[in-house]
């Protein structure tokens, strides 16, 4: 994976993570916690790809099927792409309901 690709994918994921941290600090709710966990998982995907590109932790056998590195990458992506949108949707609906009650 090229450096440009890693930066192109890593920058938006980093922004999501920073935004989730800020939201979690401001409002400690279940939805902000889900967003933080989801964006943390997406950051783990980025770190797995960086480790694969730089040949770090060779015992993880990055890029091979049925290897620990493959499952770290796979499950981090699955959890990140599930938890973050659920947290975002829950947050958006909560904000909307609070506005409707005023």
C-alpha atoms as a PDB file:
ATOM      1  CA  UNK A   1       0.000   0.000   0.000  1.00  0.00           C
ATOM      2  CA  UNK A   2       1.461   3.362  -0.964  1.00  0.00           C
ATOM      3  CA  UNK A   3       2.147   6.230   1.401  1.00  0.00           C
ATOM      4  CA  UNK A   4      -0.289   8.476  -0.451  1.00  0.00           C
ATOM      5  CA  UNK A   5      -3.085   5.945  -0.011  1.00  0.00           C
ATOM      6  CA  UNK A   6      -2.346   5.546   3.700  1.00  0.00           C
ATOM      7  CA  UNK A   7      -2.415   9.320   4.198  1.00  0.00           C
ATOM      8  CA  UNK A   8      -5.581   9.629   2.101  1.00  0.00           C
ATOM      9  CA  UNK A   9      -7.358   7.065   4.240  1.00  0.00           C
ATOM     10  CA  UNK A  10      -5.705   7.967   7.539  1.00  0.00           C
ATOM     11  CA  UNK A  11      -6.520  11.685   7.502  1.00  0.00           C
ATOM     12  CA  UNK A  12     -10.344  11.304   7.448  1.00  0.00           C
ATOM     13  CA  UNK A  13     -10.199   8.480  10.008  1.00  0.00           C
ATOM     14  CA  UNK A  14      -8.046  10.666  12.270  1.00  0.00           C
ATOM     15  CA  UNK A  15     -10.528  13.522  11.950  1.00  0.00           C
ATOM     16  CA  UNK A  16     -13.381  11.173  12.857  1.00  0.00           C
ATOM     17  CA  UNK A  17     -11.442  10.007  15.900  1.00  0.00           C
ATOM     18  CA  UNK A  18     -10.607  13.531  17.066  1.00  0.00           C
ATOM     19  CA  UNK A  19     -14.230  14.611  16.567  1.00  0.00           C
ATOM     20  CA  UNK A  20     -15.464  11.588  18.520  1.00  0.00           C
ATOM     21  CA  UNK A  21     -13.049  12.355  21.368  1.00  0.00           C
ATOM     22  CA  UNK A  22     -14.238  15.978  21.524  1.00  0.00           C
ATOM     23  CA  UNK A  23     -17.892  14.897  21.488  1.00  0.00           C
ATOM     24  CA  UNK A  24     -17.240  12.303  24.198  1.00  0.00           C
ATOM     25  CA  UNK A  25     -15.531  14.908  26.400  1.00  0.00           C
ATOM     26  CA  UNK A  26     -18.423  17.359  25.920  1.00  0.00           C
ATOM     27  CA  UNK A  27     -21.276  14.857  26.257  1.00  0.00           C
ATOM     28  CA  UNK A  28     -20.668  11.531  27.945  1.00  0.00           C
ATOM     29  CA  UNK A  29     -23.559   9.615  26.433  1.00  0.00           C
ATOM     30  CA  UNK A  30     -23.944   6.126  25.017  1.00  0.00           C
ATOM     31  CA  UNK A  31     -24.049   7.508  21.478  1.00  0.00           C
ATOM     32  CA  UNK A  32     -20.787   9.421  21.893  1.00  0.00           C
ATOM     33  CA  UNK A  33     -19.201   6.312  23.413  1.00  0.00           C
ATOM     34  CA  UNK A  34     -20.288   4.245  20.394  1.00  0.00           C
ATOM     35  CA  UNK A  35     -18.830   6.850  18.055  1.00  0.00           C
ATOM     36  CA  UNK A  36     -15.564   6.855  19.991  1.00  0.00           C
ATOM     37  CA  UNK A  37     -15.312   3.057  19.935  1.00  0.00           C
ATOM     38  CA  UNK A  38     -16.170   2.925  16.228  1.00  0.00           C
ATOM     39  CA  UNK A  39     -13.651   5.572  15.253  1.00  0.00           C
ATOM     40  CA  UNK A  40     -11.059   3.855  17.462  1.00  0.00           C
ATOM     41  CA  UNK A  41     -11.639   0.646  15.524  1.00  0.00           C
ATOM     42  CA  UNK A  42     -11.204   2.531  12.245  1.00  0.00           C
ATOM     43  CA  UNK A  43      -7.919   3.911  13.574  1.00  0.00           C
ATOM     44  CA  UNK A  44      -6.901   0.325  14.340  1.00  0.00           C
ATOM     45  CA  UNK A  45      -7.515  -0.545  10.682  1.00  0.00           C
ATOM     46  CA  UNK A  46      -5.214   2.312   9.660  1.00  0.00           C
ATOM     47  CA  UNK A  47      -2.543   1.182  12.120  1.00  0.00           C
ATOM     48  CA  UNK A  48      -2.819  -2.394  10.835  1.00  0.00           C
ATOM     49  CA  UNK A  49      -2.217  -1.199   7.286  1.00  0.00           C
ATOM     50  CA  UNK A  50       0.735   0.942   8.386  1.00  0.00           C
ATOM     51  CA  UNK A  51       2.206  -2.067  10.201  1.00  0.00           C
ATOM     52  CA  UNK A  52       1.694  -4.180   7.085  1.00  0.00           C
ATOM     53  CA  UNK A  53       3.322  -1.575   4.813  1.00  0.00           C
ATOM     54  CA  UNK A  54       6.323  -1.115   7.127  1.00  0.00           C
ATOM     55  CA  UNK A  55       6.648  -4.868   7.846  1.00  0.00           C
ATOM     56  CA  UNK A  56       6.196  -4.369  11.580  1.00  0.00           C
ATOM     57  CA  UNK A  57       5.279  -7.323  13.781  1.00  0.00           C
ATOM     58  CA  UNK A  58       6.082 -10.077  11.247  1.00  0.00           C
ATOM     59  CA  UNK A  59       4.596 -12.694  13.582  1.00  0.00           C
ATOM     60  CA  UNK A  60       1.154 -11.207  12.771  1.00  0.00           C
ATOM     61  CA  UNK A  61       1.599 -12.368   9.122  1.00  0.00           C
ATOM     62  CA  UNK A  62      -0.037  -9.259   7.678  1.00  0.00           C
ATOM     63  CA  UNK A  63      -1.864  -9.796   4.394  1.00  0.00           C
ATOM     64  CA  UNK A  64      -2.242 -13.563   4.677  1.00  0.00           C
ATOM     65  CA  UNK A  65      -5.595 -15.252   5.063  1.00  0.00           C
ATOM     66  CA  UNK A  66      -6.241 -17.072   8.335  1.00  0.00           C
ATOM     67  CA  UNK A  67      -3.551 -15.019  10.117  1.00  0.00           C
ATOM     68  CA  UNK A  68      -3.909 -12.947  13.295  1.00  0.00           C
ATOM     69  CA  UNK A  69      -3.182  -9.758  11.336  1.00  0.00           C
ATOM     70  CA  UNK A  70      -5.986 -10.519   8.895  1.00  0.00           C
ATOM     71  CA  UNK A  71      -8.513 -10.951  11.694  1.00  0.00           C
ATOM     72  CA  UNK A  72      -7.354  -7.824  13.549  1.00  0.00           C
ATOM     73  CA  UNK A  73      -7.855  -5.849  10.344  1.00  0.00           C
ATOM     74  CA  UNK A  74     -11.157  -7.524   9.437  1.00  0.00           C
ATOM     75  CA  UNK A  75     -12.864  -7.252  12.824  1.00  0.00           C
ATOM     76  CA  UNK A  76     -11.638  -3.728  13.411  1.00  0.00           C
ATOM     77  CA  UNK A  77     -13.181  -2.701  10.093  1.00  0.00           C
ATOM     78  CA  UNK A  78     -16.452  -4.522  10.800  1.00  0.00           C
ATOM     79  CA  UNK A  79     -16.789  -3.036  14.286  1.00  0.00           C
ATOM     80  CA  UNK A  80     -15.756   0.441  13.151  1.00  0.00           C
ATOM     81  CA  UNK A  81     -18.184   0.489  10.249  1.00  0.00           C
ATOM     82  CA  UNK A  82     -20.965  -0.720  12.552  1.00  0.00           C
ATOM     83  CA  UNK A  83     -20.424   1.165  15.807  1.00  0.00           C
ATOM     84  CA  UNK A  84     -19.657   4.624  14.413  1.00  0.00           C
ATOM     85  CA  UNK A  85     -22.789   4.923  12.222  1.00  0.00           C
ATOM     86  CA  UNK A  86     -25.010   3.518  14.984  1.00  0.00           C
ATOM     87  CA  UNK A  87     -23.577   6.050  17.430  1.00  0.00           C
ATOM     88  CA  UNK A  88     -23.952   8.875  14.927  1.00  0.00           C
ATOM     89  CA  UNK A  89     -27.563   7.965  14.145  1.00  0.00           C
ATOM     90  CA  UNK A  90     -28.414   7.634  17.833  1.00  0.00           C
ATOM     91  CA  UNK A  91     -26.812  11.010  18.547  1.00  0.00           C
ATOM     92  CA  UNK A  92     -28.656  12.688  15.672  1.00  0.00           C
ATOM     93  CA  UNK A  93     -32.018  11.253  16.756  1.00  0.00           C
ATOM     94  CA  UNK A  94     -31.411  12.240  20.380  1.00  0.00           C
ATOM     95  CA  UNK A  95     -30.570  15.817  19.405  1.00  0.00           C
ATOM     96  CA  UNK A  96     -33.669  15.962  17.205  1.00  0.00           C
ATOM     97  CA  UNK A  97     -35.938  14.652  19.973  1.00  0.00           C
ATOM     98  CA  UNK A  98     -34.482  17.119  22.488  1.00  0.00           C
ATOM     99  CA  UNK A  99     -35.171  19.974  20.055  1.00  0.00           C
ATOM    100  CA  UNK A 100     -38.750  18.810  19.464  1.00  0.00           C
ATOM    101  CA  UNK A 101     -39.522  18.720  23.197  1.00  0.00           C
ATOM    102  CA  UNK A 102     -38.573  22.382  23.719  1.00  0.00           C
END
